[in-house]
Amino acid sequence: MDGRSIAAWVRRNITERRLAVAMVVAGTPTILAGVALYVLPGPGFPFLVIGLSLLITGLVILGAARRRP
């Protein structure tokens, strides 16, 4: 596969809704890992911030897509 066919596949298959759902699905366990690492020894705060940013961005994209006619 060359680069053009991969780019064409991405344009056809990766929709805005799918990207938003993937962000929500990735953000949820990242938040849970951040909360767990707050108690356990480890960098809990960065995981929490990254997870919240993924979750909020995904939800905003889904909300904006829902309002469109």
N, C-alpha and C. Protein backbone atom coordinates (compact mmCIF):
# COMPACT_ATOMS: atom_id res chain seq x y z
N MET A 1 0.84 -1.19 0.00
CA MET A 1 0.00 0.00 0.00
C MET A 1 0.88 1.24 0.00
N ASP A 2 0.58 2.14 -0.86
CA ASP A 2 1.33 3.38 -0.85
C ASP A 2 0.61 4.41 0.01
N GLY A 3 1.24 5.56 0.19
CA GLY A 3 0.70 6.59 1.07
C GLY A 3 -0.63 7.15 0.62
N ARG A 4 -0.85 7.22 -0.68
CA ARG A 4 -2.10 7.79 -1.17
C ARG A 4 -3.28 6.89 -0.86
N SER A 5 -3.11 5.60 -0.96
CA SER A 5 -4.24 4.71 -0.69
C SER A 5 -4.57 4.68 0.80
N ILE A 6 -3.57 4.82 1.65
CA ILE A 6 -3.83 4.88 3.09
C ILE A 6 -4.58 6.16 3.43
N ALA A 7 -4.17 7.26 2.84
CA ALA A 7 -4.85 8.53 3.08
C ALA A 7 -6.29 8.48 2.58
N ALA A 8 -6.50 7.85 1.45
CA ALA A 8 -7.86 7.72 0.92
C ALA A 8 -8.71 6.85 1.83
N TRP A 9 -8.14 5.78 2.36
CA TRP A 9 -8.87 4.91 3.28
C TRP A 9 -9.27 5.67 4.54
N VAL A 10 -8.35 6.48 5.06
CA VAL A 10 -8.64 7.26 6.27
C VAL A 10 -9.76 8.25 6.00
N ARG A 11 -9.72 8.95 4.86
CA ARG A 11 -10.78 9.91 4.54
C ARG A 11 -12.13 9.23 4.40
N ARG A 12 -12.16 8.03 3.87
CA ARG A 12 -13.43 7.31 3.69
C ARG A 12 -13.98 6.76 5.00
N ASN A 13 -13.13 6.27 5.88
CA ASN A 13 -13.58 5.47 7.01
C ASN A 13 -13.55 6.15 8.37
N ILE A 14 -12.70 7.13 8.56
CA ILE A 14 -12.61 7.79 9.85
C ILE A 14 -13.51 9.02 9.83
N THR A 15 -14.71 8.87 10.34
CA THR A 15 -15.63 10.00 10.39
C THR A 15 -15.43 10.76 11.69
N GLU A 16 -16.04 11.94 11.74
CA GLU A 16 -15.93 12.77 12.94
C GLU A 16 -16.56 12.07 14.14
N ARG A 17 -17.67 11.41 13.92
CA ARG A 17 -18.35 10.69 15.02
C ARG A 17 -17.50 9.54 15.54
N ARG A 18 -16.89 8.79 14.65
CA ARG A 18 -16.03 7.67 15.09
C ARG A 18 -14.83 8.17 15.87
N LEU A 19 -14.26 9.28 15.44
CA LEU A 19 -13.12 9.84 16.15
C LEU A 19 -13.53 10.29 17.55
N ALA A 20 -14.70 10.93 17.66
CA ALA A 20 -15.19 11.39 18.96
C ALA A 20 -15.46 10.21 19.89
N VAL A 21 -16.06 9.15 19.38
CA VAL A 21 -16.34 7.97 20.21
C VAL A 21 -15.03 7.33 20.65
N ALA A 22 -14.04 7.29 19.78
CA ALA A 22 -12.73 6.73 20.15
C ALA A 22 -12.07 7.56 21.24
N MET A 23 -12.24 8.89 21.18
CA MET A 23 -11.67 9.76 22.22
C MET A 23 -12.34 9.52 23.57
N VAL A 24 -13.66 9.36 23.56
CA VAL A 24 -14.37 9.09 24.81
C VAL A 24 -13.96 7.73 25.37
N VAL A 25 -13.86 6.73 24.49
CA VAL A 25 -13.48 5.38 24.94
C VAL A 25 -12.05 5.36 25.46
N ALA A 26 -11.15 6.13 24.87
CA ALA A 26 -9.76 6.18 25.34
C ALA A 26 -9.63 7.03 26.60
N GLY A 27 -10.45 8.05 26.74
CA GLY A 27 -10.35 8.94 27.89
C GLY A 27 -10.83 8.34 29.18
N THR A 28 -11.86 7.50 29.11
CA THR A 28 -12.43 6.92 30.33
C THR A 28 -11.44 6.06 31.11
N PRO A 29 -10.79 5.06 30.51
CA PRO A 29 -9.82 4.29 31.29
C PRO A 29 -8.58 5.10 31.71
N THR A 30 -8.25 6.13 30.92
CA THR A 30 -7.12 6.97 31.29
C THR A 30 -7.44 7.76 32.56
N ILE A 31 -8.68 8.24 32.68
CA ILE A 31 -9.10 8.91 33.91
C ILE A 31 -9.05 7.94 35.09
N LEU A 32 -9.56 6.74 34.88
CA LEU A 32 -9.55 5.74 35.96
C LEU A 32 -8.12 5.38 36.37
N ALA A 33 -7.22 5.30 35.41
CA ALA A 33 -5.82 5.04 35.75
C ALA A 33 -5.22 6.21 36.52
N GLY A 34 -5.59 7.43 36.15
CA GLY A 34 -5.09 8.60 36.88
C GLY A 34 -5.59 8.63 38.31
N VAL A 35 -6.86 8.27 38.50
CA VAL A 35 -7.41 8.23 39.86
C VAL A 35 -6.70 7.15 40.67
N ALA A 36 -6.46 6.00 40.07
CA ALA A 36 -5.77 4.91 40.78
C ALA A 36 -4.34 5.31 41.12
N LEU A 37 -3.68 6.01 40.21
CA LEU A 37 -2.30 6.41 40.47
C LEU A 37 -2.20 7.56 41.47
N TYR A 38 -3.31 8.21 41.76
CA TYR A 38 -3.30 9.20 42.84
C TYR A 38 -3.04 8.52 44.17
N VAL A 39 -3.62 7.32 44.32
CA VAL A 39 -3.46 6.56 45.57
C VAL A 39 -2.17 5.74 45.52
N LEU A 40 -1.92 5.10 44.39
CA LEU A 40 -0.72 4.30 44.23
C LEU A 40 0.45 5.21 43.88
N PRO A 41 1.67 4.73 44.08
CA PRO A 41 2.81 5.58 43.69
C PRO A 41 2.92 5.67 42.17
N GLY A 42 2.88 6.89 41.68
CA GLY A 42 2.99 7.09 40.24
C GLY A 42 2.48 8.47 39.86
N PRO A 43 2.63 8.80 38.59
CA PRO A 43 2.22 10.13 38.12
C PRO A 43 0.73 10.19 37.84
N GLY A 44 -0.08 10.37 38.85
CA GLY A 44 -1.52 10.37 38.69
C GLY A 44 -2.07 11.60 38.01
N PHE A 45 -1.53 12.76 38.33
CA PHE A 45 -2.08 14.01 37.80
C PHE A 45 -1.99 14.11 36.27
N PRO A 46 -0.86 13.78 35.63
CA PRO A 46 -0.83 13.86 34.16
C PRO A 46 -1.83 12.92 33.50
N PHE A 47 -2.00 11.72 34.04
CA PHE A 47 -2.98 10.79 33.48
C PHE A 47 -4.38 11.35 33.62
N LEU A 48 -4.66 11.95 34.73
CA LEU A 48 -5.97 12.53 34.97
C LEU A 48 -6.24 13.68 34.00
N VAL A 49 -5.28 14.54 33.78
CA VAL A 49 -5.44 15.68 32.88
C VAL A 49 -5.62 15.20 31.44
N ILE A 50 -4.81 14.25 31.00
CA ILE A 50 -4.91 13.74 29.64
C ILE A 50 -6.25 13.04 29.43
N GLY A 51 -6.66 12.23 30.40
CA GLY A 51 -7.94 11.53 30.29
C GLY A 51 -9.12 12.49 30.25
N LEU A 52 -9.09 13.51 31.09
CA LEU A 52 -10.18 14.49 31.09
C LEU A 52 -10.22 15.27 29.79
N SER A 53 -9.06 15.62 29.25
CA SER A 53 -9.06 16.36 27.99
C SER A 53 -9.59 15.50 26.84
N LEU A 54 -9.25 14.22 26.81
CA LEU A 54 -9.78 13.33 25.78
C LEU A 54 -11.30 13.18 25.92
N LEU A 55 -11.75 12.97 27.15
CA LEU A 55 -13.17 12.76 27.38
C LEU A 55 -13.98 14.01 27.04
N ILE A 56 -13.55 15.15 27.51
CA ILE A 56 -14.30 16.39 27.27
C ILE A 56 -14.29 16.75 25.78
N THR A 57 -13.17 16.60 25.11
CA THR A 57 -13.11 16.90 23.69
C THR A 57 -14.02 15.98 22.89
N GLY A 58 -14.01 14.71 23.21
CA GLY A 58 -14.89 13.77 22.52
C GLY A 58 -16.35 14.08 22.74
N LEU A 59 -16.72 14.44 23.97
CA LEU A 59 -18.11 14.77 24.25
C LEU A 59 -18.54 16.06 23.57
N VAL A 60 -17.65 17.03 23.49
CA VAL A 60 -17.98 18.29 22.80
C VAL A 60 -18.19 18.04 21.31
N ILE A 61 -17.34 17.22 20.71
CA ILE A 61 -17.51 16.90 19.28
C ILE A 61 -18.83 16.18 19.06
N LEU A 62 -19.16 15.22 19.90
CA LEU A 62 -20.44 14.51 19.76
C LEU A 62 -21.62 15.45 19.95
N GLY A 63 -21.55 16.35 20.92
CA GLY A 63 -22.62 17.30 21.14
C GLY A 63 -22.79 18.26 19.98
N ALA A 64 -21.70 18.71 19.40
CA ALA A 64 -21.78 19.62 18.26
C ALA A 64 -22.34 18.90 17.03
N ALA A 65 -21.97 17.65 16.85
CA ALA A 65 -22.48 16.89 15.71
C ALA A 65 -23.96 16.60 15.87
N ARG A 66 -24.43 16.48 17.07
CA ARG A 66 -25.84 16.20 17.32
C ARG A 66 -26.71 17.41 17.03
N ARG A 67 -26.18 18.62 17.23
CA ARG A 67 -26.96 19.84 17.01
C ARG A 67 -27.09 20.20 15.54
N ARG A 68 -26.21 19.67 14.70
CA ARG A 68 -26.27 19.99 13.27
C ARG A 68 -27.50 19.35 12.65
N PRO A 69 -28.14 20.06 11.72
CA PRO A 69 -29.33 19.49 11.07
C PRO A 69 -29.00 18.39 10.10
